[in-house]
Amino acid sequence: LAADEYDEGDIALQIHFTLIQAFCCEND
């Protein structure tokens, strides 16, 4: 992941959705 290609907000969103997906999958 190249930090120069992403804003901090975009990285935060990616982490946010990754956590949501992991959470949903674990509780599916």
C-alpha atoms as a PDB file:
ATOM      1  CA  LEU A   1       0.000   0.000   0.000  1.00  0.00           C
ATOM      2  CA  ALA A   2       1.614   3.242  -1.129  1.00  0.00           C
ATOM      3  CA  ALA A   3       0.789   5.977   1.357  1.00  0.00           C
ATOM      4  CA  ASP A   4       1.417   8.607  -1.326  1.00  0.00           C
ATOM      5  CA  GLU A   5      -1.515   7.246  -3.319  1.00  0.00           C
ATOM      6  CA  TYR A   6      -4.029   7.580  -0.498  1.00  0.00           C
ATOM      7  CA  ASP A   7      -5.252  10.310   1.801  1.00  0.00           C
ATOM      8  CA  GLU A   8      -5.425   9.496   5.492  1.00  0.00           C
ATOM      9  CA  GLY A   9      -9.215   9.520   5.197  1.00  0.00           C
ATOM     10  CA  ASP A  10      -9.142   6.930   2.421  1.00  0.00           C
ATOM     11  CA  ILE A  11      -6.871   4.696   4.480  1.00  0.00           C
ATOM     12  CA  ALA A  12      -9.191   5.091   7.457  1.00  0.00           C
ATOM     13  CA  LEU A  13     -12.163   4.125   5.287  1.00  0.00           C
ATOM     14  CA  GLN A  14     -10.350   1.046   3.982  1.00  0.00           C
ATOM     15  CA  ILE A  15      -9.512  -0.028   7.525  1.00  0.00           C
ATOM     16  CA  HIS A  16     -13.071   0.766   8.642  1.00  0.00           C
ATOM     17  CA  PHE A  17     -14.687  -1.366   5.934  1.00  0.00           C
ATOM     18  CA  THR A  18     -12.132  -4.143   6.423  1.00  0.00           C
ATOM     19  CA  LEU A  19     -13.028  -4.292  10.110  1.00  0.00           C
ATOM     20  CA  ILE A  20     -16.748  -4.282   9.275  1.00  0.00           C
ATOM     21  CA  GLN A  21     -16.297  -7.127   6.795  1.00  0.00           C
ATOM     22  CA  ALA A  22     -14.231  -9.119   9.289  1.00  0.00           C
ATOM     23  CA  PHE A  23     -16.798  -8.454  12.021  1.00  0.00           C
ATOM     24  CA  CYS A  24     -19.700  -9.495   9.793  1.00  0.00           C
ATOM     25  CA  CYS A  25     -17.935 -12.606   8.568  1.00  0.00           C
ATOM     26  CA  GLU A  26     -17.041 -13.700  12.092  1.00  0.00           C
ATOM     27  CA  ASN A  27     -20.623 -13.232  13.237  1.00  0.00           C
ATOM     28  CA  ASP A  28     -22.306 -14.628  10.133  1.00  0.00           C
END
